[in-house]
C-alpha atoms as a PDB file:
ATOM      1  CA  MET A   1     -44.865  29.637  37.231  1.00  0.00           C
ATOM      2  CA  GLU A   2     -43.474  31.386  34.166  1.00  0.00           C
ATOM      3  CA  THR A   3     -40.100  29.712  34.704  1.00  0.00           C
ATOM      4  CA  LEU A   4     -41.788  26.319  34.981  1.00  0.00           C
ATOM      5  CA  GLN A   5     -43.655  26.928  31.726  1.00  0.00           C
ATOM      6  CA  THR A   6     -40.470  27.988  29.952  1.00  0.00           C
ATOM      7  CA  LEU A   7     -38.637  24.881  31.156  1.00  0.00           C
ATOM      8  CA  GLY A   8     -41.607  22.776  30.079  1.00  0.00           C
ATOM      9  CA  ILE A   9     -41.357  24.143  26.545  1.00  0.00           C
ATOM     10  CA  ALA A  10     -37.560  23.931  26.348  1.00  0.00           C
ATOM     11  CA  LEU A  11     -37.093  20.450  27.805  1.00  0.00           C
ATOM     12  CA  GLY A  12     -40.310  19.213  26.201  1.00  0.00           C
ATOM     13  CA  LEU A  13     -39.121  20.153  22.706  1.00  0.00           C
ATOM     14  CA  ALA A  14     -35.695  18.669  23.463  1.00  0.00           C
ATOM     15  CA  SER A  15     -37.227  15.386  24.612  1.00  0.00           C
ATOM     16  CA  LEU A  16     -39.514  15.144  21.581  1.00  0.00           C
ATOM     17  CA  ALA A  17     -36.529  15.833  19.320  1.00  0.00           C
ATOM     18  CA  GLY A  18     -35.023  12.587  20.606  1.00  0.00           C
ATOM     19  CA  LEU A  19     -37.963  10.696  19.140  1.00  0.00           C
ATOM     20  CA  ASN A  20     -38.236  12.606  15.857  1.00  0.00           C
ATOM     21  CA  LEU A  21     -36.244  15.812  15.437  1.00  0.00           C
ATOM     22  CA  TYR A  22     -37.505  16.632  11.961  1.00  0.00           C
ATOM     23  CA  LEU A  23     -41.190  16.205  12.804  1.00  0.00           C
ATOM     24  CA  THR A  24     -40.740  18.365  15.910  1.00  0.00           C
ATOM     25  CA  VAL A  25     -39.074  21.172  13.931  1.00  0.00           C
ATOM     26  CA  PHE A  26     -41.485  20.879  10.987  1.00  0.00           C
ATOM     27  CA  VAL A  27     -44.691  21.021  13.040  1.00  0.00           C
ATOM     28  CA  THR A  28     -43.367  23.759  15.358  1.00  0.00           C
ATOM     29  CA  GLY A  29     -42.168  25.847  12.423  1.00  0.00           C
ATOM     30  CA  LEU A  30     -45.410  25.363  10.481  1.00  0.00           C
ATOM     31  CA  SER A  31     -47.438  26.340  13.564  1.00  0.00           C
ATOM     32  CA  ILE A  32     -45.407  29.536  13.924  1.00  0.00           C
ATOM     33  CA  GLN A  33     -45.646  30.408  10.225  1.00  0.00           C
ATOM     34  CA  GLN A  34     -49.400  29.822  10.097  1.00  0.00           C
ATOM     35  CA  GLN A  35     -49.780  31.786  13.359  1.00  0.00           C
ATOM     36  CA  TRP A  36     -51.388  28.849  15.144  1.00  0.00           C
ATOM     37  CA  ILE A  37     -49.077  29.831  17.971  1.00  0.00           C
ATOM     38  CA  ASP A  38     -47.650  33.282  18.708  1.00  0.00           C
ATOM     39  CA  VAL A  39     -44.074  33.357  20.016  1.00  0.00           C
ATOM     40  CA  SER A  40     -43.273  36.963  19.143  1.00  0.00           C
ATOM     41  CA  GLN A  41     -43.702  38.167  22.732  1.00  0.00           C
ATOM     42  CA  THR A  42     -42.853  35.094  24.810  1.00  0.00           C
ATOM     43  CA  HIS A  43     -40.085  33.347  22.853  1.00  0.00           C
ATOM     44  CA  PRO A  44     -39.030  35.571  19.937  1.00  0.00           C
ATOM     45  CA  ASP A  45     -35.848  33.594  19.204  1.00  0.00           C
ATOM     46  CA  LEU A  46     -38.004  30.540  18.428  1.00  0.00           C
ATOM     47  CA  ALA A  47     -39.665  32.399  15.533  1.00  0.00           C
ATOM     48  CA  ILE A  48     -36.745  31.431  13.277  1.00  0.00           C
ATOM     49  CA  LEU A  49     -38.313  27.961  12.962  1.00  0.00           C
ATOM     50  CA  GLY A  50     -41.117  29.553  10.948  1.00  0.00           C
ATOM     51  CA  HIS A  51     -38.734  30.469   8.127  1.00  0.00           C
ATOM     52  CA  PRO A  52     -39.867  28.816   4.864  1.00  0.00           C
ATOM     53  CA  ALA A  53     -36.438  27.304   4.246  1.00  0.00           C
ATOM     54  CA  ILE A  54     -36.356  25.600   7.660  1.00  0.00           C
ATOM     55  CA  ILE A  55     -39.892  24.295   7.198  1.00  0.00           C
ATOM     56  CA  ALA A  56     -39.029  22.967   3.727  1.00  0.00           C
ATOM     57  CA  VAL A  57     -35.794  21.241   4.787  1.00  0.00           C
ATOM     58  CA  SER A  58     -37.292  19.706   7.939  1.00  0.00           C
ATOM     59  CA  GLY A  59     -40.313  18.559   5.916  1.00  0.00           C
ATOM     60  CA  VAL A  60     -38.145  16.795   3.331  1.00  0.00           C
ATOM     61  CA  LEU A  61     -36.016  15.168   6.026  1.00  0.00           C
ATOM     62  CA  TYR A  62     -39.122  14.024   7.889  1.00  0.00           C
ATOM     63  CA  PHE A  63     -40.448  12.566   4.627  1.00  0.00           C
ATOM     64  CA  LEU A  64     -37.245  10.497   4.332  1.00  0.00           C
ATOM     65  CA  GLU A  65     -37.379   9.463   7.995  1.00  0.00           C
ATOM     66  CA  PHE A  66     -41.054   8.526   7.680  1.00  0.00           C
ATOM     67  CA  PHE A  67     -40.098   5.640   5.369  1.00  0.00           C
ATOM     68  CA  ALA A  68     -36.643   4.795   6.787  1.00  0.00           C
ATOM     69  CA  ASP A  69     -38.158   4.527  10.276  1.00  0.00           C
ATOM     70  CA  LYS A  70     -40.467   1.700   9.246  1.00  0.00           C
ATOM     71  CA  ILE A  71     -37.964  -0.683   7.610  1.00  0.00           C
ATOM     72  CA  PRO A  72     -36.229  -3.226   9.891  1.00  0.00           C
ATOM     73  CA  TRP A  73     -32.508  -2.520  10.392  1.00  0.00           C
ATOM     74  CA  VAL A  74     -32.710   0.599   8.194  1.00  0.00           C
ATOM     75  CA  ASP A  75     -34.330   2.325  11.184  1.00  0.00           C
ATOM     76  CA  SER A  76     -31.467   1.243  13.458  1.00  0.00           C
ATOM     77  CA  LEU A  77     -28.885   2.509  10.949  1.00  0.00           C
ATOM     78  CA  TRP A  78     -30.804   5.791  10.774  1.00  0.00           C
ATOM     79  CA  ASP A  79     -30.731   6.010  14.593  1.00  0.00           C
ATOM     80  CA  VAL A  80     -26.969   5.460  14.640  1.00  0.00           C
ATOM     81  CA  VAL A  81     -26.458   8.355  12.215  1.00  0.00           C
ATOM     82  CA  HIS A  82     -28.709  10.588  14.353  1.00  0.00           C
ATOM     83  CA  THR A  83     -27.050   9.800  17.691  1.00  0.00           C
ATOM     84  CA  VAL A  84     -25.228  13.143  17.379  1.00  0.00           C
ATOM     85  CA  ILE A  85     -27.727  15.037  15.213  1.00  0.00           C
ATOM     86  CA  ARG A  86     -30.720  14.702  17.552  1.00  0.00           C
ATOM     87  CA  PRO A  87     -29.001  15.874  20.781  1.00  0.00           C
ATOM     88  CA  VAL A  88     -27.499  18.859  18.927  1.00  0.00           C
ATOM     89  CA  GLY A  89     -30.919  19.683  17.478  1.00  0.00           C
ATOM     90  CA  GLY A  90     -32.596  19.305  20.871  1.00  0.00           C
ATOM     91  CA  ALA A  91     -30.031  21.622  22.489  1.00  0.00           C
ATOM     92  CA  PHE A  92     -30.577  24.186  19.735  1.00  0.00           C
ATOM     93  CA  LEU A  93     -34.354  24.154  20.270  1.00  0.00           C
ATOM     94  CA  ALA A  94     -33.994  24.614  24.042  1.00  0.00           C
ATOM     95  CA  ILE A  95     -31.581  27.548  23.659  1.00  0.00           C
ATOM     96  CA  ARG A  96     -33.977  29.189  21.209  1.00  0.00           C
ATOM     97  CA  VAL A  97     -36.821  28.834  23.684  1.00  0.00           C
ATOM     98  CA  LEU A  98     -34.905  30.438  26.554  1.00  0.00           C
ATOM     99  CA  GLY A  99     -33.270  33.121  24.433  1.00  0.00           C
ATOM    100  CA  ASN A 100     -30.811  34.004  27.221  1.00  0.00           C
ATOM    101  CA  PRO A 101     -27.820  36.048  26.035  1.00  0.00           C
ATOM    102  CA  ASP A 102     -25.566  34.714  28.810  1.00  0.00           C
ATOM    103  CA  PRO A 103     -23.103  32.244  27.171  1.00  0.00           C
ATOM    104  CA  VAL A 104     -22.597  30.359  30.446  1.00  0.00           C
ATOM    105  CA  PHE A 105     -26.336  29.822  30.829  1.00  0.00           C
ATOM    106  CA  ASP A 106     -26.551  28.780  27.175  1.00  0.00           C
ATOM    107  CA  VAL A 107     -23.934  26.077  27.743  1.00  0.00           C
ATOM    108  CA  ILE A 108     -25.758  24.761  30.836  1.00  0.00           C
ATOM    109  CA  VAL A 109     -29.078  24.669  29.006  1.00  0.00           C
ATOM    110  CA  ALA A 110     -27.466  23.002  25.986  1.00  0.00           C
ATOM    111  CA  LEU A 111     -25.998  20.267  28.199  1.00  0.00           C
ATOM    112  CA  LEU A 112     -29.299  19.607  29.976  1.00  0.00           C
ATOM    113  CA  ALA A 113     -31.381  19.684  26.803  1.00  0.00           C
ATOM    114  CA  GLY A 114     -28.864  17.566  24.897  1.00  0.00           C
ATOM    115  CA  SER A 115     -28.955  15.010  27.705  1.00  0.00           C
ATOM    116  CA  ALA A 116     -32.761  14.954  27.632  1.00  0.00           C
ATOM    117  CA  THR A 117     -32.712  14.434  23.870  1.00  0.00           C
ATOM    118  CA  LEU A 118     -30.075  11.724  24.144  1.00  0.00           C
ATOM    119  CA  LEU A 119     -32.154   9.981  26.824  1.00  0.00           C
ATOM    120  CA  THR A 120     -35.258   9.679  24.621  1.00  0.00           C
ATOM    121  CA  HIS A 121     -33.124   8.920  21.577  1.00  0.00           C
ATOM    122  CA  GLY A 122     -31.461   6.067  23.478  1.00  0.00           C
ATOM    123  CA  VAL A 123     -34.832   4.593  24.404  1.00  0.00           C
ATOM    124  CA  LYS A 124     -36.031   4.881  20.803  1.00  0.00           C
ATOM    125  CA  ALA A 125     -32.865   3.346  19.330  1.00  0.00           C
ATOM    126  CA  GLY A 126     -32.723   0.566  21.922  1.00  0.00           C
ATOM    127  CA  THR A 127     -36.379  -0.337  21.453  1.00  0.00           C
ATOM    128  CA  ARG A 128     -35.924  -0.476  17.685  1.00  0.00           C
ATOM    129  CA  LEU A 129     -32.854  -2.682  17.950  1.00  0.00           C
ATOM    130  CA  VAL A 130     -34.733  -5.118  20.183  1.00  0.00           C
ATOM    131  CA  ALA A 131     -37.731  -5.099  17.812  1.00  0.00           C
ATOM    132  CA  ASN A 132     -35.455  -5.853  14.866  1.00  0.00           C
ATOM    133  CA  HIS A 133     -34.617  -9.208  16.454  1.00  0.00           C
ATOM    134  CA  SER A 134     -37.822 -10.383  14.741  1.00  0.00           C
ATOM    135  CA  PRO A 135     -37.346  -9.323  11.116  1.00  0.00           C
ATOM    136  CA  GLU A 136     -41.012  -8.544  10.387  1.00  0.00           C
ATOM    137  CA  PRO A 137     -41.973  -4.947   9.526  1.00  0.00           C
ATOM    138  CA  PHE A 138     -45.212  -4.716  11.516  1.00  0.00           C
ATOM    139  CA  SER A 139     -43.627  -3.959  14.900  1.00  0.00           C
ATOM    140  CA  ASN A 140     -41.400  -1.313  13.289  1.00  0.00           C
ATOM    141  CA  ILE A 141     -44.374   0.340  11.620  1.00  0.00           C
ATOM    142  CA  ALA A 142     -46.348   0.309  14.871  1.00  0.00           C
ATOM    143  CA  LEU A 143     -43.437   1.782  16.827  1.00  0.00           C
ATOM    144  CA  SER A 144     -42.829   4.465  14.200  1.00  0.00           C
ATOM    145  CA  VAL A 145     -46.472   5.523  14.103  1.00  0.00           C
ATOM    146  CA  GLY A 146     -46.613   5.507  17.903  1.00  0.00           C
ATOM    147  CA  GLU A 147     -43.534   7.751  18.114  1.00  0.00           C
ATOM    148  CA  ASP A 148     -45.002  10.233  15.607  1.00  0.00           C
ATOM    149  CA  VAL A 149     -48.278  10.329  17.543  1.00  0.00           C
ATOM    150  CA  THR A 150     -46.313  10.906  20.766  1.00  0.00           C
ATOM    151  CA  VAL A 151     -44.476  13.835  19.172  1.00  0.00           C
ATOM    152  CA  LEU A 152     -47.717  15.414  17.944  1.00  0.00           C
ATOM    153  CA  GLY A 153     -49.413  14.847  21.305  1.00  0.00           C
ATOM    154  CA  GLY A 154     -46.400  16.245  23.154  1.00  0.00           C
ATOM    155  CA  LEU A 155     -46.367  19.380  20.991  1.00  0.00           C
ATOM    156  CA  ALA A 156     -50.090  19.880  21.635  1.00  0.00           C
ATOM    157  CA  LEU A 157     -49.509  19.518  25.391  1.00  0.00           C
ATOM    158  CA  ILE A 158     -46.642  22.030  25.271  1.00  0.00           C
ATOM    159  CA  LYS A 159     -48.910  24.512  23.487  1.00  0.00           C
ATOM    160  CA  TYR A 160     -51.868  24.249  25.838  1.00  0.00           C
ATOM    161  CA  ASP A 161     -50.163  23.600  29.204  1.00  0.00           C
ATOM    162  CA  PRO A 162     -46.344  23.975  29.326  1.00  0.00           C
ATOM    163  CA  ALA A 163     -46.256  23.466  33.105  1.00  0.00           C
ATOM    164  CA  LEU A 164     -48.027  20.122  32.803  1.00  0.00           C
ATOM    165  CA  ALA A 165     -45.647  19.253  29.968  1.00  0.00           C
ATOM    166  CA  PHE A 166     -42.738  19.831  32.352  1.00  0.00           C
ATOM    167  CA  VAL A 167     -44.289  17.480  34.938  1.00  0.00           C
ATOM    168  CA  VAL A 168     -44.897  14.829  32.250  1.00  0.00           C
ATOM    169  CA  PHE A 169     -41.303  15.232  31.079  1.00  0.00           C
ATOM    170  CA  LEU A 170     -39.995  14.632  34.613  1.00  0.00           C
ATOM    171  CA  LEU A 171     -42.192  11.556  35.110  1.00  0.00           C
ATOM    172  CA  ALA A 172     -41.158  10.147  31.731  1.00  0.00           C
ATOM    173  CA  SER A 173     -37.485  10.751  32.559  1.00  0.00           C
ATOM    174  CA  LEU A 174     -37.833   8.932  35.898  1.00  0.00           C
ATOM    175  CA  ALA A 175     -39.528   6.006  34.143  1.00  0.00           C
ATOM    176  CA  ILE A 176     -36.725   5.874  31.584  1.00  0.00           C
ATOM    177  CA  LEU A 177     -34.081   5.916  34.316  1.00  0.00           C
ATOM    178  CA  TYR A 178     -35.890   3.077  36.117  1.00  0.00           C
ATOM    179  CA  PHE A 179     -36.361   0.853  33.082  1.00  0.00           C
ATOM    180  CA  GLY A 180     -33.179   2.055  31.399  1.00  0.00           C
ATOM    181  CA  PRO A 181     -30.846  -0.651  32.793  1.00  0.00           C
ATOM    182  CA  LYS A 182     -33.123  -3.395  31.451  1.00  0.00           C
ATOM    183  CA  LEU A 183     -33.266  -1.735  28.069  1.00  0.00           C
ATOM    184  CA  PHE A 184     -29.500  -1.221  28.134  1.00  0.00           C
ATOM    185  CA  ARG A 185     -28.940  -4.935  28.764  1.00  0.00           C
ATOM    186  CA  ALA A 186     -31.282  -5.802  25.883  1.00  0.00           C
ATOM    187  CA  LEU A 187     -29.468  -3.318  23.640  1.00  0.00           C
ATOM    188  CA  LYS A 188     -26.098  -4.766  24.636  1.00  0.00           C
ATOM    189  CA  VAL A 189     -27.264  -8.302  23.832  1.00  0.00           C
ATOM    190  CA  GLN A 190     -28.763  -7.340  20.464  1.00  0.00           C
ATOM    191  CA  SER A 191     -25.601  -5.436  19.522  1.00  0.00           C
ATOM    192  CA  TYR A 192     -23.478  -8.442  20.483  1.00  0.00           C
ATOM    193  CA  LEU A 193     -25.606 -10.873  18.465  1.00  0.00           C
ATOM    194  CA  MET A 194     -25.659  -8.547  15.474  1.00  0.00           C
ATOM    195  CA  PHE A 195     -21.880  -8.071  15.659  1.00  0.00           C
ATOM    196  CA  LYS A 196     -21.350 -11.824  15.770  1.00  0.00           C
ATOM    197  CA  LYS A 197     -23.656 -12.395  12.803  1.00  0.00           C
ATOM    198  CA  VAL A 198     -21.991  -9.728  10.653  1.00  0.00           C
ATOM    199  CA  PHE A 199     -18.318 -10.152  11.586  1.00  0.00           C
ATOM    200  CA  ASN A 200     -18.282 -13.834  12.532  1.00  0.00           C
ATOM    201  CA  PRO A 201     -20.608 -15.462   9.977  1.00  0.00           C
ATOM    202  CA  ALA A 202     -18.757 -18.792  10.011  1.00  0.00           C
ATOM    203  CA  ALA A 203     -19.350 -21.247  12.828  1.00  0.00           C
ATOM    204  CA  ASP A 204     -16.915 -21.203  15.735  1.00  0.00           C
ATOM    205  CA  PRO A 205     -14.587 -24.202  15.752  1.00  0.00           C
ATOM    206  CA  PHE A 206     -16.176 -27.084  17.658  1.00  0.00           C
ATOM    207  CA  GLU A 207     -14.255 -30.304  18.194  1.00  0.00           C
ATOM    208  CA  GLY A 208     -17.262 -32.392  19.116  1.00  0.00           C
ATOM    209  CA  GLU A 209     -16.813 -32.229  22.888  1.00  0.00           C
ATOM    210  CA  LEU A 210     -18.388 -29.660  25.178  1.00  0.00           C
ATOM    211  CA  SER A 211     -16.022 -27.630  27.316  1.00  0.00           C
ATOM    212  CA  LYS A 212     -15.659 -28.227  31.046  1.00  0.00           C
ATOM    213  CA  ALA A 213     -13.779 -24.967  31.645  1.00  0.00           C
ATOM    214  CA  LEU A 214     -15.340 -22.149  33.603  1.00  0.00           C
ATOM    215  CA  PRO A 215     -13.916 -18.615  34.073  1.00  0.00           C
ATOM    216  CA  TYR A 216     -12.464 -18.378  37.546  1.00  0.00           C
ATOM    217  CA  PRO A 217     -14.933 -15.766  38.919  1.00  0.00           C
ATOM    218  CA  LEU A 218     -17.823 -17.996  37.865  1.00  0.00           C
ATOM    219  CA  GLU A 219     -16.081 -21.091  39.204  1.00  0.00           C
ATOM    220  CA  ILE A 220     -15.735 -19.367  42.580  1.00  0.00           C
ATOM    221  CA  ALA A 221     -19.419 -18.388  42.492  1.00  0.00           C
ATOM    222  CA  LEU A 222     -20.430 -21.954  41.637  1.00  0.00           C
ATOM    223  CA  HIS A 223     -18.289 -23.330  44.441  1.00  0.00           C
ATOM    224  CA  SER A 224     -19.669 -20.802  46.941  1.00  0.00           C
ATOM    225  CA  ALA A 225     -23.232 -21.808  46.066  1.00  0.00           C
ATOM    226  CA  ASN A 226     -22.361 -25.519  46.394  1.00  0.00           C
ATOM    227  CA  LEU A 227     -23.896 -26.365  43.014  1.00  0.00           C
ATOM    228  CA  GLY A 228     -21.715 -29.104  41.693  1.00  0.00           C
ATOM    229  CA  HIS A 229     -18.241 -27.589  41.732  1.00  0.00           C
ATOM    230  CA  GLY A 230     -15.685 -30.276  40.935  1.00  0.00           C
ATOM    231  CA  ASN A 231     -18.275 -32.499  39.211  1.00  0.00           C
ATOM    232  CA  ILE A 232     -18.749 -30.434  36.045  1.00  0.00           C
ATOM    233  CA  VAL A 233     -19.864 -32.412  32.990  1.00  0.00           C
ATOM    234  CA  TRP A 234     -19.914 -29.434  30.616  1.00  0.00           C
ATOM    235  CA  THR A 235     -20.281 -25.653  30.531  1.00  0.00           C
ATOM    236  CA  ALA A 236     -21.713 -23.383  27.845  1.00  0.00           C
ATOM    237  CA  SER A 237     -21.359 -19.604  27.630  1.00  0.00           C
ATOM    238  CA  CYS A 238     -24.734 -18.056  26.853  1.00  0.00           C
ATOM    239  CA  ILE A 239     -27.178 -15.246  27.549  1.00  0.00           C
ATOM    240  CA  SER A 240     -30.229 -15.641  29.735  1.00  0.00           C
ATOM    241  CA  GLY A 241     -33.544 -15.147  27.982  1.00  0.00           C
ATOM    242  CA  PRO A 242     -37.058 -14.771  29.400  1.00  0.00           C
ATOM    243  CA  SER A 243     -37.056 -17.062  32.440  1.00  0.00           C
ATOM    244  CA  HIS A 244     -38.811 -17.546  35.754  1.00  0.00           C
ATOM    245  CA  ASN A 245     -36.204 -16.634  38.348  1.00  0.00           C
ATOM    246  CA  ILE A 246     -33.237 -15.453  36.246  1.00  0.00           C
ATOM    247  CA  SER A 247     -32.788 -11.870  35.074  1.00  0.00           C
ATOM    248  CA  ASN A 248     -33.186 -11.399  31.338  1.00  0.00           C
ATOM    249  CA  ASN A 249     -30.256 -10.519  29.015  1.00  0.00           C
ATOM    250  CA  VAL A 250     -27.449 -11.509  31.371  1.00  0.00           C
ATOM    251  CA  PHE A 251     -24.173 -12.942  30.038  1.00  0.00           C
ATOM    252  CA  GLY A 252     -23.202 -16.093  31.923  1.00  0.00           C
ATOM    253  CA  CYS A 253     -22.699 -19.843  31.715  1.00  0.00           C
ATOM    254  CA  LEU A 254     -24.918 -22.895  31.906  1.00  0.00           C
ATOM    255  CA  VAL A 255     -23.305 -25.651  33.940  1.00  0.00           C
ATOM    256  CA  ALA A 256     -24.224 -29.329  33.991  1.00  0.00           C
ATOM    257  CA  SER A 257     -22.848 -31.423  36.846  1.00  0.00           C
ATOM    258  CA  GLN A 258     -22.885 -35.065  37.863  1.00  0.00           C
ATOM    259  CA  ASN A 259     -24.870 -34.342  41.031  1.00  0.00           C
ATOM    260  CA  ASP A 260     -28.324 -34.467  39.476  1.00  0.00           C
ATOM    261  CA  PRO A 261     -28.911 -34.930  35.721  1.00  0.00           C
ATOM    262  CA  ARG A 262     -32.197 -33.031  35.965  1.00  0.00           C
ATOM    263  CA  LYS A 263     -30.637 -29.885  37.357  1.00  0.00           C
ATOM    264  CA  LEU A 264     -28.540 -27.183  35.729  1.00  0.00           C
ATOM    265  CA  ALA A 265     -26.843 -24.131  37.200  1.00  0.00           C
ATOM    266  CA  PHE A 266     -26.629 -20.695  35.620  1.00  0.00           C
ATOM    267  CA  VAL A 267     -23.779 -18.519  36.870  1.00  0.00           C
ATOM    268  CA  ALA A 268     -23.061 -14.943  35.844  1.00  0.00           C
ATOM    269  CA  LYS A 269     -20.841 -12.078  36.921  1.00  0.00           C
ATOM    270  CA  ARG A 270     -22.880  -8.965  37.707  1.00  0.00           C
ATOM    271  CA  MET A 271     -21.819  -5.410  38.450  1.00  0.00           C
ATOM    272  CA  PHE A 272     -22.582  -5.729  42.158  1.00  0.00           C
ATOM    273  CA  GLY A 273     -21.670  -9.369  42.681  1.00  0.00           C
ATOM    274  CA  ASN A 274     -22.111 -12.752  41.107  1.00  0.00           C
ATOM    275  CA  PHE A 275     -25.405 -14.472  40.379  1.00  0.00           C
ATOM    276  CA  THR A 276     -25.883 -18.209  40.779  1.00  0.00           C
ATOM    277  CA  GLY A 277     -29.169 -19.968  40.222  1.00  0.00           C
ATOM    278  CA  GLU A 278     -30.240 -23.590  40.066  1.00  0.00           C
ATOM    279  CA  ILE A 279     -32.767 -24.775  37.476  1.00  0.00           C
ATOM    280  CA  ASP A 280     -34.824 -27.857  38.300  1.00  0.00           C
ATOM    281  CA  LEU A 281     -35.816 -29.438  34.969  1.00  0.00           C
ATOM    282  CA  THR A 282     -37.975 -32.246  36.325  1.00  0.00           C
ATOM    283  CA  THR A 283     -40.843 -32.859  33.812  1.00  0.00           C
ATOM    284  CA  TYR A 284     -39.141 -30.456  31.359  1.00  0.00           C
ATOM    285  CA  LYS A 285     -38.230 -31.053  27.727  1.00  0.00           C
ATOM    286  CA  VAL A 286     -35.610 -29.233  25.671  1.00  0.00           C
ATOM    287  CA  ALA A 287     -35.885 -27.729  22.172  1.00  0.00           C
ATOM    288  CA  HIS A 288     -33.503 -25.933  19.826  1.00  0.00           C
ATOM    289  CA  GLU A 289     -34.796 -22.837  17.991  1.00  0.00           C
ATOM    290  CA  SER A 290     -32.824 -21.056  15.264  1.00  0.00           C
ATOM    291  CA  LYS A 291     -33.622 -17.340  15.146  1.00  0.00           C
ATOM    292  CA  PHE A 292     -32.484 -14.544  12.845  1.00  0.00           C
ATOM    293  CA  LEU A 293     -29.637 -13.511  15.151  1.00  0.00           C
ATOM    294  CA  SER A 294     -29.374 -16.358  17.632  1.00  0.00           C
ATOM    295  CA  GLU A 295     -29.577 -20.035  18.448  1.00  0.00           C
ATOM    296  CA  ASN A 296     -31.970 -20.491  21.367  1.00  0.00           C
ATOM    297  CA  VAL A 297     -32.251 -23.400  23.792  1.00  0.00           C
ATOM    298  CA  VAL A 298     -35.745 -23.615  25.262  1.00  0.00           C
ATOM    299  CA  PHE A 299     -36.779 -25.652  28.302  1.00  0.00           C
ATOM    300  CA  TYR A 300     -40.518 -26.188  28.513  1.00  0.00           C
ATOM    301  CA  SER A 301     -42.928 -28.355  30.466  1.00  0.00           C
ATOM    302  CA  LEU A 302     -46.360 -29.621  29.482  1.00  0.00           C
ATOM    303  CA  GLU A 303     -47.423 -29.084  33.086  1.00  0.00           C
ATOM    304  CA  ARG A 304     -47.629 -25.296  32.533  1.00  0.00           C
ATOM    305  CA  LYS A 305     -44.454 -24.638  34.443  1.00  0.00           C
ATOM    306  CA  PRO A 306     -42.377 -21.527  33.629  1.00  0.00           C
ATOM    307  CA  LYS A 307     -40.335 -21.665  30.428  1.00  0.00           C
ATOM    308  CA  TYR A 308     -36.573 -21.096  30.404  1.00  0.00           C
ATOM    309  CA  VAL A 309     -34.765 -19.655  27.383  1.00  0.00           C
ATOM    310  CA  PHE A 310     -31.013 -19.331  26.857  1.00  0.00           C
ATOM    311  CA  VAL A 311     -29.515 -17.509  23.889  1.00  0.00           C
ATOM    312  CA  PHE A 312     -26.366 -18.312  21.880  1.00  0.00           C
ATOM    313  CA  HIS A 313     -24.930 -16.467  18.886  1.00  0.00           C
ATOM    314  CA  ARG A 314     -25.278 -18.005  15.425  1.00  0.00           C
ATOM    315  CA  GLY A 315     -21.660 -19.165  15.264  1.00  0.00           C
ATOM    316  CA  GLN A 316     -22.310 -21.564  18.170  1.00  0.00           C
ATOM    317  CA  SER A 317     -24.781 -23.676  16.213  1.00  0.00           C
ATOM    318  CA  ALA A 318     -22.709 -26.898  16.287  1.00  0.00           C
ATOM    319  CA  MET A 319     -22.028 -26.557  20.016  1.00  0.00           C
ATOM    320  CA  VAL A 320     -25.719 -25.873  20.728  1.00  0.00           C
ATOM    321  CA  LYS A 321     -26.758 -29.015  18.851  1.00  0.00           C
ATOM    322  CA  ALA A 322     -24.300 -31.093  20.884  1.00  0.00           C
ATOM    323  CA  MET A 323     -25.498 -29.504  24.107  1.00  0.00           C
ATOM    324  CA  VAL A 324     -29.167 -30.140  23.268  1.00  0.00           C
ATOM    325  CA  ALA A 325     -28.359 -33.781  22.478  1.00  0.00           C
ATOM    326  CA  SER A 326     -26.652 -34.093  25.872  1.00  0.00           C
ATOM    327  CA  LEU A 327     -29.606 -32.445  27.603  1.00  0.00           C
ATOM    328  CA  GLN A 328     -32.131 -34.701  25.882  1.00  0.00           C
ATOM    329  CA  GLN A 329     -30.215 -37.676  27.179  1.00  0.00           C
ATOM    330  CA  ARG A 330     -30.017 -36.215  30.701  1.00  0.00           C
ATOM    331  CA  LEU A 331     -33.746 -35.425  30.766  1.00  0.00           C
ATOM    332  CA  GLN A 332     -34.947 -38.838  29.655  1.00  0.00           C
ATOM    333  CA  PRO A 333     -37.419 -40.399  32.111  1.00  0.00           C
ATOM    334  CA  THR A 334     -35.781 -42.685  34.626  1.00  0.00           C
ATOM    335  CA  PRO A 335     -36.894 -46.298  34.051  1.00  0.00           C
ATOM    336  CA  VAL A 336     -39.101 -47.571  36.850  1.00  0.00           C
ATOM    337  CA  ALA A 337     -37.972 -50.882  38.280  1.00  0.00           C
ATOM    338  CA  VAL A 338     -40.684 -53.577  38.244  1.00  0.00           C
ATOM    339  CA  ALA A 339     -40.642 -56.062  41.100  1.00  0.00           C
ATOM    340  CA  VAL A 340     -40.750 -59.741  40.020  1.00  0.00           C
ATOM    341  CA  SER A 341     -42.694 -61.974  42.353  1.00  0.00           C
END
């Protein structure tokens, strides 16, 4: 039980450091200095955090982070800088908790604690980058306050029940590993869109005609699914957005064929095989939305059917407009023939 409690404190502090290292150190150090907690017998090496200099420096750094963490894009830049700092800090806290003089054991603990810190840091940084897609400060402020409350709550749990803190840490880690791939895809997409906006601000050359070319792996996938291979009208490289039966944040291609003007195909190359899906746009309309980082094509229906969203980077604006014009023509209602008696 004692080992479980020690691991709960060590890995708990390391995990909380991934959310806010300076707040974790400041509150822990202040608690030790004010004797709200007594570590002299259980974890004497952790008492160093109660030194006035450490409390002062961590307090000043937390003061800076308190404001930087609530400004869109500044928070993401701050997270990039702390990608190394937080795991190192988390490893240091864990080693201080265990206080084992064995260098080999110290290295093992440092690796585990650093990984735990990096895991929570990755979730924090990825969530912030996704939130920054909408350049309003309210979501950033809410996330920042929520993270600080989580740190304070986690420290309180570590103080009163370290064993329970260890169980909570394990459950949180499993949840992160489960939802991590989705967050990673979102982070990859946001990084790509941001890169394109910063380093490719001018529009990509567009000659007025949509491409009919398709990368060969996607062409094979389209042919295998029998979705209009050989009758391609145009293709458009894009990213899948929130949709009914298509995974979110997947890089692929929209394909229009001559088979049925009211149907499109979305093909993508995935890690464990290709994905091919057909989209029936009967009763749907198409709209073009310009966002801060992207040009979005939205398919919606007034009959409360699921909405489809596909994302393009800002440099593809001219191509997106041409594609939307083509889609509007394809989705026009078919004239009903009237019999003449």
